[in-house]
Amino acid sequence: MEVRAISKNQRVQPRKVRIIADEIRGKSALHAAGLLRYHPSKGARVLRKVLISAIANAAENNGLSPESLTISTIMVDEGPKMKRMIAKAMGRGGRINKKTSHITVGVEEADEQKVVKPHGTKAKPRPTFAAPTRGKKAAAGKKLAAVAEPVDEVTDTDVETVIAAEPEEAMPVTASDAPEEGGSAAPIEEPAGSTDEEDNK
């Protein structure tokens, strides 16, 4: 249940009070009163008085606990203007409008669940990483799947034939069969007629 407090004809501009009201709307009532206590503006001082009055109304008239109250509504309306005049050059006068405000603060218990009215629009589905089920991309994917050739299934008999067709393992090479790193194990015999001198010529 919402409990309200109204203060009318406050000597502060509505624009300045609305700036402060936006900072505390929806917060805990006692926490907001503590924040407004140290705010330097005049609108915060006036708004804090109305908020404390709303908390007192809820506690005294309705028996609600101040700790469980939250700010539900804050309305700052424009009150009557006080018109004054300032002297200008050449005998003219300028208008001065001293604006006033009507401040309304409503508090309610935080444990109460607000009734949400049903609306006609449905909630949008959340995006997923799965493949799209509809649209151009899905149609293109179906065409590619139809063009692709089906893959034959591998059976146990195919695996046995592949194992049987594998070549035998190579025999390890022994040290006697392998050539040495610098050349072959047995020196190569040169032909009898060739000498180094003939090669130099």
N, C-alpha and C. Protein backbone atom coordinates (compact mmCIF):
# COMPACT_ATOMS: atom_id res chain seq x y z
N MET A 1 0.84 -1.18 0.00
CA MET A 1 0.00 0.00 0.00
C MET A 1 0.88 1.25 0.00
N GLU A 2 0.52 2.19 -0.84
CA GLU A 2 1.32 3.41 -0.98
C GLU A 2 0.81 4.49 -0.04
N VAL A 3 1.76 5.14 0.65
CA VAL A 3 1.45 6.25 1.56
C VAL A 3 2.14 7.49 1.01
N ARG A 4 1.40 8.60 0.94
CA ARG A 4 1.92 9.81 0.33
C ARG A 4 2.02 10.97 1.32
N ALA A 5 2.91 11.90 0.94
CA ALA A 5 3.01 13.19 1.64
C ALA A 5 3.14 14.26 0.57
N ILE A 6 2.41 15.37 0.74
CA ILE A 6 2.37 16.43 -0.27
C ILE A 6 2.75 17.74 0.39
N SER A 7 3.61 18.48 -0.30
CA SER A 7 3.99 19.82 0.16
C SER A 7 3.78 20.78 -1.01
N LYS A 8 3.02 21.84 -0.79
CA LYS A 8 2.68 22.77 -1.86
C LYS A 8 3.33 24.13 -1.64
N ASN A 9 3.48 24.84 -2.75
CA ASN A 9 3.97 26.22 -2.76
C ASN A 9 5.36 26.35 -2.13
N GLN A 10 6.23 25.40 -2.44
CA GLN A 10 7.61 25.49 -1.97
C GLN A 10 8.38 26.47 -2.86
N ARG A 11 9.18 27.34 -2.24
CA ARG A 11 9.88 28.38 -2.98
C ARG A 11 11.16 27.82 -3.60
N VAL A 12 11.02 26.93 -4.56
CA VAL A 12 12.14 26.36 -5.30
C VAL A 12 11.65 26.01 -6.68
N GLN A 13 12.51 26.12 -7.67
CA GLN A 13 12.11 25.85 -9.05
C GLN A 13 11.87 24.35 -9.25
N PRO A 14 10.81 23.98 -9.97
CA PRO A 14 10.54 22.55 -10.19
C PRO A 14 11.66 21.83 -10.94
N ARG A 15 12.31 22.50 -11.88
CA ARG A 15 13.39 21.87 -12.65
C ARG A 15 14.53 21.41 -11.75
N LYS A 16 14.85 22.24 -10.74
CA LYS A 16 15.96 21.89 -9.85
C LYS A 16 15.59 20.74 -8.92
N VAL A 17 14.32 20.66 -8.52
CA VAL A 17 13.90 19.56 -7.65
C VAL A 17 13.84 18.25 -8.42
N ARG A 18 13.45 18.29 -9.71
CA ARG A 18 13.36 17.08 -10.52
C ARG A 18 14.72 16.43 -10.74
N ILE A 19 15.77 17.26 -10.81
CA ILE A 19 17.12 16.70 -10.96
C ILE A 19 17.49 15.85 -9.75
N ILE A 20 17.13 16.31 -8.55
CA ILE A 20 17.42 15.54 -7.33
C ILE A 20 16.49 14.34 -7.22
N ALA A 21 15.23 14.49 -7.64
CA ALA A 21 14.27 13.40 -7.53
C ALA A 21 14.67 12.21 -8.39
N ASP A 22 15.28 12.46 -9.54
CA ASP A 22 15.70 11.36 -10.41
C ASP A 22 16.80 10.52 -9.78
N GLU A 23 17.56 11.10 -8.85
CA GLU A 23 18.66 10.37 -8.23
C GLU A 23 18.20 9.39 -7.15
N ILE A 24 17.05 9.64 -6.53
CA ILE A 24 16.62 8.80 -5.40
C ILE A 24 15.37 8.00 -5.72
N ARG A 25 14.81 8.13 -6.91
CA ARG A 25 13.58 7.41 -7.25
C ARG A 25 13.84 5.90 -7.27
N GLY A 26 13.01 5.14 -6.52
CA GLY A 26 13.13 3.69 -6.47
C GLY A 26 14.07 3.17 -5.38
N LYS A 27 14.74 4.04 -4.64
CA LYS A 27 15.67 3.60 -3.61
C LYS A 27 14.95 3.42 -2.28
N SER A 28 15.69 2.88 -1.31
CA SER A 28 15.15 2.75 0.04
C SER A 28 14.89 4.13 0.63
N ALA A 29 13.79 4.26 1.39
CA ALA A 29 13.40 5.57 1.89
C ALA A 29 14.42 6.13 2.88
N LEU A 30 14.88 5.30 3.82
CA LEU A 30 15.86 5.79 4.79
C LEU A 30 17.20 6.09 4.14
N HIS A 31 17.59 5.26 3.20
CA HIS A 31 18.86 5.50 2.49
C HIS A 31 18.79 6.80 1.69
N ALA A 32 17.66 7.06 1.03
CA ALA A 32 17.50 8.28 0.26
C ALA A 32 17.51 9.51 1.17
N ALA A 33 16.90 9.38 2.37
CA ALA A 33 16.91 10.50 3.32
C ALA A 33 18.33 10.81 3.77
N GLY A 34 19.15 9.78 3.94
CA GLY A 34 20.55 10.02 4.30
C GLY A 34 21.34 10.67 3.19
N LEU A 35 21.05 10.30 1.93
CA LEU A 35 21.74 10.93 0.81
C LEU A 35 21.35 12.40 0.67
N LEU A 36 20.06 12.70 0.86
CA LEU A 36 19.62 14.08 0.71
C LEU A 36 20.11 14.98 1.83
N ARG A 37 20.44 14.39 2.95
CA ARG A 37 20.88 15.20 4.10
C ARG A 37 22.17 15.95 3.79
N TYR A 38 23.04 15.35 3.00
CA TYR A 38 24.34 15.96 2.71
C TYR A 38 24.42 16.53 1.30
N HIS A 39 23.28 16.65 0.63
CA HIS A 39 23.29 17.26 -0.70
C HIS A 39 23.28 18.78 -0.56
N PRO A 40 24.08 19.50 -1.34
CA PRO A 40 24.22 20.94 -1.09
C PRO A 40 23.07 21.80 -1.64
N SER A 41 22.18 21.25 -2.47
CA SER A 41 21.19 22.09 -3.13
C SER A 41 19.98 22.36 -2.22
N LYS A 42 19.28 23.44 -2.54
CA LYS A 42 18.08 23.80 -1.79
C LYS A 42 16.95 22.81 -2.09
N GLY A 43 16.87 22.33 -3.34
CA GLY A 43 15.84 21.37 -3.69
C GLY A 43 15.95 20.07 -2.91
N ALA A 44 17.17 19.64 -2.57
CA ALA A 44 17.36 18.42 -1.79
C ALA A 44 16.85 18.62 -0.36
N ARG A 45 17.05 19.80 0.20
CA ARG A 45 16.58 20.07 1.56
C ARG A 45 15.05 20.04 1.64
N VAL A 46 14.39 20.63 0.63
CA VAL A 46 12.92 20.64 0.61
C VAL A 46 12.38 19.23 0.36
N LEU A 47 13.02 18.51 -0.55
CA LEU A 47 12.55 17.16 -0.88
C LEU A 47 12.73 16.21 0.29
N ARG A 48 13.79 16.41 1.08
CA ARG A 48 14.02 15.54 2.24
C ARG A 48 12.93 15.73 3.29
N LYS A 49 12.47 16.96 3.45
CA LYS A 49 11.39 17.19 4.43
C LYS A 49 10.11 16.45 4.03
N VAL A 50 9.79 16.46 2.75
CA VAL A 50 8.58 15.77 2.29
C VAL A 50 8.76 14.25 2.42
N LEU A 51 9.95 13.75 2.14
CA LEU A 51 10.21 12.32 2.25
C LEU A 51 10.09 11.84 3.70
N ILE A 52 10.63 12.62 4.65
CA ILE A 52 10.53 12.25 6.06
C ILE A 52 9.07 12.29 6.52
N SER A 53 8.31 13.23 5.98
CA SER A 53 6.90 13.29 6.32
C SER A 53 6.15 12.06 5.80
N ALA A 54 6.51 11.58 4.59
CA ALA A 54 5.87 10.38 4.05
C ALA A 54 6.23 9.15 4.87
N ILE A 55 7.46 9.07 5.33
CA ILE A 55 7.88 7.93 6.18
C ILE A 55 7.12 7.95 7.50
N ALA A 56 6.96 9.16 8.08
CA ALA A 56 6.22 9.28 9.34
C ALA A 56 4.75 8.93 9.16
N ASN A 57 4.16 9.31 8.05
CA ASN A 57 2.76 8.95 7.79
C ASN A 57 2.58 7.44 7.69
N ALA A 58 3.53 6.77 7.03
CA ALA A 58 3.44 5.31 6.89
C ALA A 58 3.60 4.62 8.23
N ALA A 59 4.48 5.16 9.08
CA ALA A 59 4.72 4.51 10.37
C ALA A 59 3.58 4.78 11.35
N GLU A 60 3.06 6.01 11.41
CA GLU A 60 2.05 6.37 12.41
C GLU A 60 0.63 5.95 11.99
N ASN A 61 0.29 6.22 10.75
CA ASN A 61 -1.09 5.97 10.32
C ASN A 61 -1.34 4.54 9.86
N ASN A 62 -0.29 3.89 9.28
CA ASN A 62 -0.49 2.55 8.71
C ASN A 62 0.31 1.47 9.42
N GLY A 63 1.15 1.84 10.38
CA GLY A 63 1.91 0.85 11.14
C GLY A 63 2.97 0.13 10.33
N LEU A 64 3.54 0.77 9.33
CA LEU A 64 4.58 0.15 8.51
C LEU A 64 5.95 0.44 9.10
N SER A 65 6.87 -0.49 8.89
CA SER A 65 8.23 -0.31 9.39
C SER A 65 9.01 0.62 8.46
N PRO A 66 9.67 1.64 8.99
CA PRO A 66 10.43 2.55 8.11
C PRO A 66 11.55 1.86 7.34
N GLU A 67 12.12 0.77 7.92
CA GLU A 67 13.23 0.08 7.26
C GLU A 67 12.78 -0.65 5.99
N SER A 68 11.50 -1.00 5.91
CA SER A 68 11.01 -1.76 4.76
C SER A 68 10.41 -0.89 3.66
N LEU A 69 10.50 0.43 3.80
CA LEU A 69 9.86 1.33 2.84
C LEU A 69 10.81 1.69 1.71
N THR A 70 10.24 1.78 0.52
CA THR A 70 10.97 2.26 -0.65
C THR A 70 10.16 3.38 -1.29
N ILE A 71 10.85 4.23 -2.05
CA ILE A 71 10.19 5.34 -2.72
C ILE A 71 9.53 4.81 -3.99
N SER A 72 8.22 4.91 -4.05
CA SER A 72 7.49 4.41 -5.22
C SER A 72 7.24 5.51 -6.25
N THR A 73 6.84 6.68 -5.80
CA THR A 73 6.57 7.78 -6.73
C THR A 73 7.11 9.09 -6.17
N ILE A 74 7.61 9.93 -7.07
CA ILE A 74 7.98 11.30 -6.74
C ILE A 74 7.47 12.18 -7.89
N MET A 75 6.60 13.10 -7.57
CA MET A 75 6.07 14.03 -8.57
C MET A 75 6.38 15.45 -8.14
N VAL A 76 6.92 16.22 -9.07
CA VAL A 76 7.24 17.63 -8.81
C VAL A 76 6.48 18.44 -9.85
N ASP A 77 5.42 19.11 -9.41
CA ASP A 77 4.59 19.92 -10.30
C ASP A 77 4.86 21.40 -10.05
N GLU A 78 4.54 22.20 -11.07
CA GLU A 78 4.77 23.64 -10.96
C GLU A 78 3.59 24.31 -10.27
N GLY A 79 3.91 25.15 -9.29
CA GLY A 79 2.89 25.90 -8.57
C GLY A 79 2.72 27.29 -9.14
N PRO A 80 2.03 28.14 -8.43
CA PRO A 80 1.83 29.52 -8.93
C PRO A 80 3.13 30.32 -8.95
N LYS A 81 3.22 31.24 -9.89
CA LYS A 81 4.40 32.08 -10.02
C LYS A 81 4.15 33.43 -9.35
N MET A 82 5.17 33.90 -8.67
CA MET A 82 5.13 35.25 -8.09
C MET A 82 5.85 36.18 -9.05
N LYS A 83 5.14 37.17 -9.52
CA LYS A 83 5.67 38.05 -10.57
C LYS A 83 6.25 39.31 -9.93
N ARG A 84 7.48 39.56 -10.27
CA ARG A 84 8.17 40.74 -9.77
C ARG A 84 8.74 41.52 -10.96
N MET A 85 9.20 42.75 -10.69
CA MET A 85 9.70 43.61 -11.75
C MET A 85 11.07 44.14 -11.39
N ILE A 86 11.94 44.22 -12.42
CA ILE A 86 13.26 44.81 -12.25
C ILE A 86 13.38 45.98 -13.23
N ALA A 87 13.97 47.07 -12.77
CA ALA A 87 14.07 48.27 -13.61
C ALA A 87 15.08 48.06 -14.73
N LYS A 88 14.69 48.50 -15.92
CA LYS A 88 15.55 48.43 -17.10
C LYS A 88 15.84 49.85 -17.60
N ALA A 89 16.60 49.93 -18.68
CA ALA A 89 16.98 51.23 -19.23
C ALA A 89 15.80 51.92 -19.89
N MET A 90 15.87 53.23 -19.95
CA MET A 90 14.89 54.06 -20.64
C MET A 90 13.49 53.91 -20.06
N GLY A 91 13.38 53.75 -18.74
CA GLY A 91 12.11 53.70 -18.05
C GLY A 91 11.32 52.43 -18.20
N ARG A 92 11.93 51.39 -18.77
CA ARG A 92 11.22 50.14 -18.93
C ARG A 92 11.44 49.22 -17.73
N GLY A 93 10.66 48.16 -17.67
CA GLY A 93 10.81 47.19 -16.58
C GLY A 93 10.84 45.77 -17.12
N GLY A 94 11.62 44.91 -16.47
CA GLY A 94 11.73 43.50 -16.86
C GLY A 94 10.98 42.61 -15.89
N ARG A 95 10.34 41.55 -16.42
CA ARG A 95 9.57 40.63 -15.60
C ARG A 95 10.49 39.62 -14.91
N ILE A 96 10.25 39.35 -13.67
CA ILE A 96 10.92 38.28 -12.92
C ILE A 96 9.84 37.33 -12.43
N ASN A 97 9.96 36.06 -12.78
CA ASN A 97 9.01 35.03 -12.35
C ASN A 97 9.66 34.18 -11.26
N LYS A 98 9.11 34.27 -10.07
CA LYS A 98 9.60 33.44 -8.96
C LYS A 98 8.70 32.20 -8.89
N LYS A 99 9.25 31.06 -9.33
CA LYS A 99 8.46 29.84 -9.46
C LYS A 99 8.37 29.10 -8.13
N THR A 100 7.27 28.37 -7.97
CA THR A 100 7.07 27.52 -6.79
C THR A 100 6.78 26.10 -7.26
N SER A 101 6.85 25.15 -6.32
CA SER A 101 6.70 23.74 -6.64
C SER A 101 5.72 23.07 -5.70
N HIS A 102 4.97 22.09 -6.26
CA HIS A 102 4.16 21.18 -5.47
C HIS A 102 4.85 19.81 -5.52
N ILE A 103 5.30 19.32 -4.37
CA ILE A 103 6.09 18.08 -4.31
C ILE A 103 5.25 17.00 -3.67
N THR A 104 5.17 15.84 -4.33
CA THR A 104 4.45 14.68 -3.82
C THR A 104 5.39 13.50 -3.78
N VAL A 105 5.49 12.86 -2.61
CA VAL A 105 6.37 11.69 -2.42
C VAL A 105 5.51 10.55 -1.92
N GLY A 106 5.62 9.39 -2.56
CA GLY A 106 4.89 8.19 -2.15
C GLY A 106 5.86 7.08 -1.78
N VAL A 107 5.60 6.41 -0.65
CA VAL A 107 6.43 5.28 -0.21
C VAL A 107 5.54 4.06 -0.04
N GLU A 108 6.15 2.88 -0.19
CA GLU A 108 5.43 1.62 0.00
C GLU A 108 6.41 0.56 0.47
N GLU A 109 5.87 -0.55 0.97
CA GLU A 109 6.71 -1.63 1.45
C GLU A 109 7.40 -2.32 0.29
N ALA A 110 8.66 -2.69 0.52
CA ALA A 110 9.44 -3.31 -0.55
C ALA A 110 9.03 -4.75 -0.78
N ASP A 111 8.46 -5.44 0.22
CA ASP A 111 8.11 -6.85 0.07
C ASP A 111 6.89 -7.05 -0.83
N GLU A 112 6.08 -6.04 -1.01
CA GLU A 112 4.89 -6.20 -1.84
C GLU A 112 5.29 -6.36 -3.30
N GLN A 113 4.69 -7.35 -3.95
CA GLN A 113 4.97 -7.59 -5.35
C GLN A 113 3.99 -6.80 -6.21
N LYS A 114 4.53 -6.03 -7.13
CA LYS A 114 3.70 -5.22 -8.00
C LYS A 114 3.02 -6.12 -9.04
N VAL A 115 1.76 -5.83 -9.30
CA VAL A 115 1.00 -6.58 -10.29
C VAL A 115 1.33 -6.02 -11.67
N VAL A 116 1.87 -6.88 -12.52
CA VAL A 116 2.25 -6.47 -13.87
C VAL A 116 1.09 -6.78 -14.81
N LYS A 117 0.63 -5.76 -15.50
CA LYS A 117 -0.48 -5.96 -16.42
C LYS A 117 0.02 -6.70 -17.66
N PRO A 118 -0.75 -7.69 -18.13
CA PRO A 118 -0.33 -8.41 -19.35
C PRO A 118 -0.42 -7.50 -20.57
N HIS A 119 0.53 -7.63 -21.45
CA HIS A 119 0.53 -6.83 -22.66
C HIS A 119 0.48 -7.76 -23.87
N GLY A 120 0.19 -7.20 -25.02
CA GLY A 120 -0.06 -8.01 -26.21
C GLY A 120 1.17 -8.55 -26.89
N THR A 121 2.34 -7.97 -26.64
CA THR A 121 3.53 -8.42 -27.34
C THR A 121 4.21 -9.54 -26.58
N LYS A 122 4.80 -10.46 -27.32
CA LYS A 122 5.53 -11.57 -26.72
C LYS A 122 7.00 -11.21 -26.60
N ALA A 123 7.66 -11.86 -25.66
CA ALA A 123 9.08 -11.61 -25.48
C ALA A 123 9.86 -12.18 -26.65
N LYS A 124 10.90 -11.47 -27.07
CA LYS A 124 11.72 -11.94 -28.18
C LYS A 124 12.58 -13.13 -27.74
N PRO A 125 12.78 -14.11 -28.61
CA PRO A 125 13.63 -15.25 -28.22
C PRO A 125 15.08 -14.83 -28.10
N ARG A 126 15.76 -15.42 -27.15
CA ARG A 126 17.17 -15.10 -26.95
C ARG A 126 18.00 -15.76 -28.04
N PRO A 127 19.07 -15.11 -28.50
CA PRO A 127 19.89 -15.70 -29.56
C PRO A 127 20.65 -16.92 -29.06
N THR A 128 20.81 -17.89 -29.96
CA THR A 128 21.53 -19.12 -29.65
C THR A 128 22.62 -19.33 -30.68
N PHE A 129 23.54 -20.23 -30.38
CA PHE A 129 24.64 -20.54 -31.28
C PHE A 129 24.30 -21.69 -32.23
N ALA A 130 23.10 -22.22 -32.13
CA ALA A 130 22.71 -23.32 -33.00
C ALA A 130 22.47 -22.81 -34.42
N ALA A 131 22.44 -23.75 -35.38
CA ALA A 131 22.21 -23.39 -36.78
C ALA A 131 20.79 -22.84 -36.94
N PRO A 132 20.60 -21.86 -37.79
CA PRO A 132 19.26 -21.30 -37.96
C PRO A 132 18.31 -22.31 -38.58
N THR A 133 17.08 -22.29 -38.13
CA THR A 133 16.08 -23.23 -38.62
C THR A 133 15.25 -22.64 -39.75
N ARG A 134 15.19 -21.33 -39.84
CA ARG A 134 14.42 -20.68 -40.89
C ARG A 134 15.26 -19.58 -41.52
N GLY A 135 14.85 -19.20 -42.74
CA GLY A 135 15.51 -18.08 -43.39
C GLY A 135 16.35 -18.52 -44.57
N LYS A 136 17.08 -17.55 -45.15
CA LYS A 136 17.88 -17.81 -46.33
C LYS A 136 19.05 -18.73 -46.04
N LYS A 137 19.69 -18.55 -44.88
CA LYS A 137 20.85 -19.37 -44.55
C LYS A 137 20.46 -20.85 -44.41
N ALA A 138 19.30 -21.09 -43.79
CA ALA A 138 18.86 -22.47 -43.61
C ALA A 138 18.54 -23.11 -44.96
N ALA A 139 17.91 -22.34 -45.89
CA ALA A 139 17.60 -22.87 -47.21
C ALA A 139 18.86 -23.18 -47.99
N ALA A 140 19.87 -22.32 -47.88
CA ALA A 140 21.14 -22.58 -48.56
C ALA A 140 21.82 -23.81 -48.00
N GLY A 141 21.74 -24.00 -46.69
CA GLY A 141 22.34 -25.19 -46.08
C GLY A 141 21.66 -26.47 -46.54
N LYS A 142 20.33 -26.42 -46.72
CA LYS A 142 19.62 -27.60 -47.20
C LYS A 142 20.02 -27.94 -48.63
N LYS A 143 20.20 -26.93 -49.49
CA LYS A 143 20.61 -27.18 -50.87
C LYS A 143 21.99 -27.83 -50.92
N LEU A 144 22.92 -27.33 -50.10
CA LEU A 144 24.26 -27.91 -50.08
C LEU A 144 24.22 -29.35 -49.59
N ALA A 145 23.38 -29.64 -48.62
CA ALA A 145 23.27 -31.00 -48.12
C ALA A 145 22.69 -31.94 -49.18
N ALA A 146 21.76 -31.42 -50.01
CA ALA A 146 21.17 -32.26 -51.05
C ALA A 146 22.18 -32.55 -52.16
N VAL A 147 23.04 -31.56 -52.50
CA VAL A 147 24.03 -31.75 -53.56
C VAL A 147 25.14 -32.68 -53.13
N ALA A 148 25.53 -32.63 -51.88
CA ALA A 148 26.65 -33.45 -51.39
C ALA A 148 26.32 -34.93 -51.50
N GLU A 149 27.32 -35.72 -51.86
CA GLU A 149 27.11 -37.15 -52.02
C GLU A 149 27.05 -37.81 -50.65
N PRO A 150 26.25 -38.86 -50.53
CA PRO A 150 26.19 -39.55 -49.24
C PRO A 150 27.47 -40.32 -48.97
N VAL A 151 27.89 -40.34 -47.76
CA VAL A 151 29.12 -41.02 -47.35
C VAL A 151 28.78 -42.46 -47.00
N ASP A 152 29.54 -43.41 -47.60
CA ASP A 152 29.30 -44.83 -47.31
C ASP A 152 29.71 -45.16 -45.89
N GLU A 153 28.97 -45.99 -45.26
CA GLU A 153 29.30 -46.40 -43.90
C GLU A 153 30.43 -47.43 -43.93
N VAL A 154 31.32 -47.35 -42.98
CA VAL A 154 32.45 -48.28 -42.87
C VAL A 154 32.03 -49.45 -42.00
N THR A 155 32.18 -50.65 -42.52
CA THR A 155 31.80 -51.86 -41.79
C THR A 155 33.04 -52.58 -41.28
N ASP A 156 32.81 -53.63 -40.49
CA ASP A 156 33.93 -54.40 -39.94
C ASP A 156 34.69 -55.15 -41.03
N THR A 157 33.97 -55.62 -42.08
CA THR A 157 34.65 -56.36 -43.16
C THR A 157 35.59 -55.46 -43.93
N ASP A 158 35.22 -54.16 -44.12
CA ASP A 158 36.11 -53.22 -44.80
C ASP A 158 37.38 -53.00 -44.01
N VAL A 159 37.25 -52.94 -42.71
CA VAL A 159 38.44 -52.73 -41.87
C VAL A 159 39.36 -53.94 -41.96
N GLU A 160 38.79 -55.16 -41.99
CA GLU A 160 39.63 -56.37 -42.06
C GLU A 160 40.37 -56.44 -43.38
N THR A 161 39.72 -56.04 -44.47
CA THR A 161 40.40 -56.08 -45.76
C THR A 161 41.54 -55.06 -45.82
N VAL A 162 41.34 -53.89 -45.21
CA VAL A 162 42.41 -52.89 -45.20
C VAL A 162 43.60 -53.38 -44.39
N ILE A 163 43.33 -54.05 -43.26
CA ILE A 163 44.42 -54.56 -42.43
C ILE A 163 45.18 -55.66 -43.17
N ALA A 164 44.44 -56.52 -43.89
CA ALA A 164 45.09 -57.61 -44.62
C ALA A 164 45.93 -57.08 -45.77
N ALA A 165 45.55 -55.99 -46.39
CA ALA A 165 46.27 -55.45 -47.54
C ALA A 165 47.51 -54.67 -47.15
N GLU A 166 47.72 -54.38 -45.87
CA GLU A 166 48.90 -53.61 -45.46
C GLU A 166 50.18 -54.42 -45.70
N PRO A 167 51.24 -53.78 -46.18
CA PRO A 167 52.50 -54.52 -46.43
C PRO A 167 53.16 -54.94 -45.12
N GLU A 168 54.02 -55.92 -45.25
CA GLU A 168 54.74 -56.40 -44.08
C GLU A 168 55.74 -55.34 -43.62
N GLU A 169 56.09 -55.44 -42.37
CA GLU A 169 57.03 -54.48 -41.83
C GLU A 169 58.42 -54.70 -42.43
N ALA A 170 59.14 -53.61 -42.64
CA ALA A 170 60.49 -53.70 -43.21
C ALA A 170 61.43 -54.31 -42.20
N MET A 171 62.37 -55.11 -42.72
CA MET A 171 63.35 -55.76 -41.85
C MET A 171 64.35 -54.72 -41.37
N PRO A 172 64.76 -54.76 -40.13
CA PRO A 172 65.76 -53.79 -39.66
C PRO A 172 67.11 -54.05 -40.30
N VAL A 173 67.84 -52.98 -40.57
CA VAL A 173 69.15 -53.07 -41.21
C VAL A 173 70.20 -53.26 -40.12
N THR A 174 71.05 -54.27 -40.28
CA THR A 174 72.10 -54.53 -39.30
C THR A 174 73.32 -53.67 -39.60
N ALA A 175 74.24 -53.65 -38.66
CA ALA A 175 75.44 -52.83 -38.83
C ALA A 175 76.33 -53.33 -39.96
N SER A 176 76.33 -54.62 -40.20
CA SER A 176 77.18 -55.17 -41.25
C SER A 176 76.64 -54.81 -42.63
N ASP A 177 75.33 -54.70 -42.76
CA ASP A 177 74.74 -54.35 -44.06
C ASP A 177 74.80 -52.86 -44.36
N ALA A 178 74.79 -52.03 -43.31
CA ALA A 178 74.72 -50.59 -43.52
C ALA A 178 76.08 -50.04 -43.91
N PRO A 179 76.14 -49.11 -44.82
CA PRO A 179 77.43 -48.47 -45.16
C PRO A 179 77.86 -47.53 -44.05
N GLU A 180 79.17 -47.27 -44.00
CA GLU A 180 79.69 -46.35 -42.99
C GLU A 180 79.33 -44.92 -43.36
N GLU A 181 79.49 -44.06 -42.38
CA GLU A 181 79.11 -42.66 -42.62
C GLU A 181 80.01 -42.01 -43.66
N GLY A 182 81.32 -42.28 -43.63
CA GLY A 182 82.26 -41.63 -44.57
C GLY A 182 82.25 -42.27 -45.94
N GLY A 183 81.72 -43.40 -46.10
CA GLY A 183 81.70 -44.11 -47.38
C GLY A 183 81.30 -45.55 -47.15
N SER A 184 81.57 -46.41 -48.09
CA SER A 184 81.20 -47.81 -47.95
C SER A 184 82.19 -48.52 -47.06
N ALA A 185 81.78 -49.70 -46.54
CA ALA A 185 82.66 -50.47 -45.67
C ALA A 185 83.87 -51.00 -46.43
N ALA A 186 83.70 -51.47 -47.67
CA ALA A 186 84.83 -51.99 -48.48
C ALA A 186 85.28 -50.90 -49.43
N PRO A 187 86.59 -50.64 -49.53
CA PRO A 187 87.09 -49.60 -50.44
C PRO A 187 86.81 -49.99 -51.90
N ILE A 188 86.51 -48.96 -52.70
CA ILE A 188 86.24 -49.19 -54.12
C ILE A 188 87.56 -49.31 -54.84
N GLU A 189 87.70 -50.37 -55.63
CA GLU A 189 88.95 -50.60 -56.38
C GLU A 189 88.94 -49.76 -57.64
N GLU A 190 90.04 -49.05 -57.87
CA GLU A 190 90.16 -48.24 -59.07
C GLU A 190 90.64 -49.11 -60.24
N PRO A 191 90.33 -48.73 -61.48
CA PRO A 191 90.86 -49.51 -62.61
C PRO A 191 92.38 -49.43 -62.69
N ALA A 192 92.99 -50.46 -63.23
CA ALA A 192 94.45 -50.59 -63.21
C ALA A 192 95.14 -49.56 -64.06
N GLY A 193 94.58 -49.13 -65.19
CA GLY A 193 95.28 -48.23 -66.09
C GLY A 193 95.23 -46.77 -65.69
N SER A 194 94.37 -46.35 -64.77
CA SER A 194 94.23 -44.93 -64.44
C SER A 194 95.10 -44.57 -63.26
N THR A 195 95.80 -43.45 -63.34
CA THR A 195 96.64 -42.95 -62.27
C THR A 195 96.33 -41.48 -62.08
N ASP A 196 96.87 -40.93 -61.03
CA ASP A 196 96.64 -39.50 -60.75
C ASP A 196 97.34 -38.61 -61.76
N GLU A 197 98.52 -39.04 -62.24
CA GLU A 197 99.25 -38.23 -63.18
C GLU A 197 98.49 -38.09 -64.49
N GLU A 198 97.87 -39.21 -64.94
CA GLU A 198 97.12 -39.13 -66.19
C GLU A 198 95.91 -38.20 -66.04
N ASP A 199 95.33 -38.23 -64.86
CA ASP A 199 94.20 -37.34 -64.64
C ASP A 199 94.59 -35.88 -64.67
N ASN A 200 95.82 -35.56 -64.15
CA ASN A 200 96.28 -34.17 -64.15
C ASN A 200 96.57 -33.66 -65.55
N LYS A 201 96.99 -34.54 -66.43
CA LYS A 201 97.29 -34.14 -67.80
C LYS A 201 95.99 -33.78 -68.48
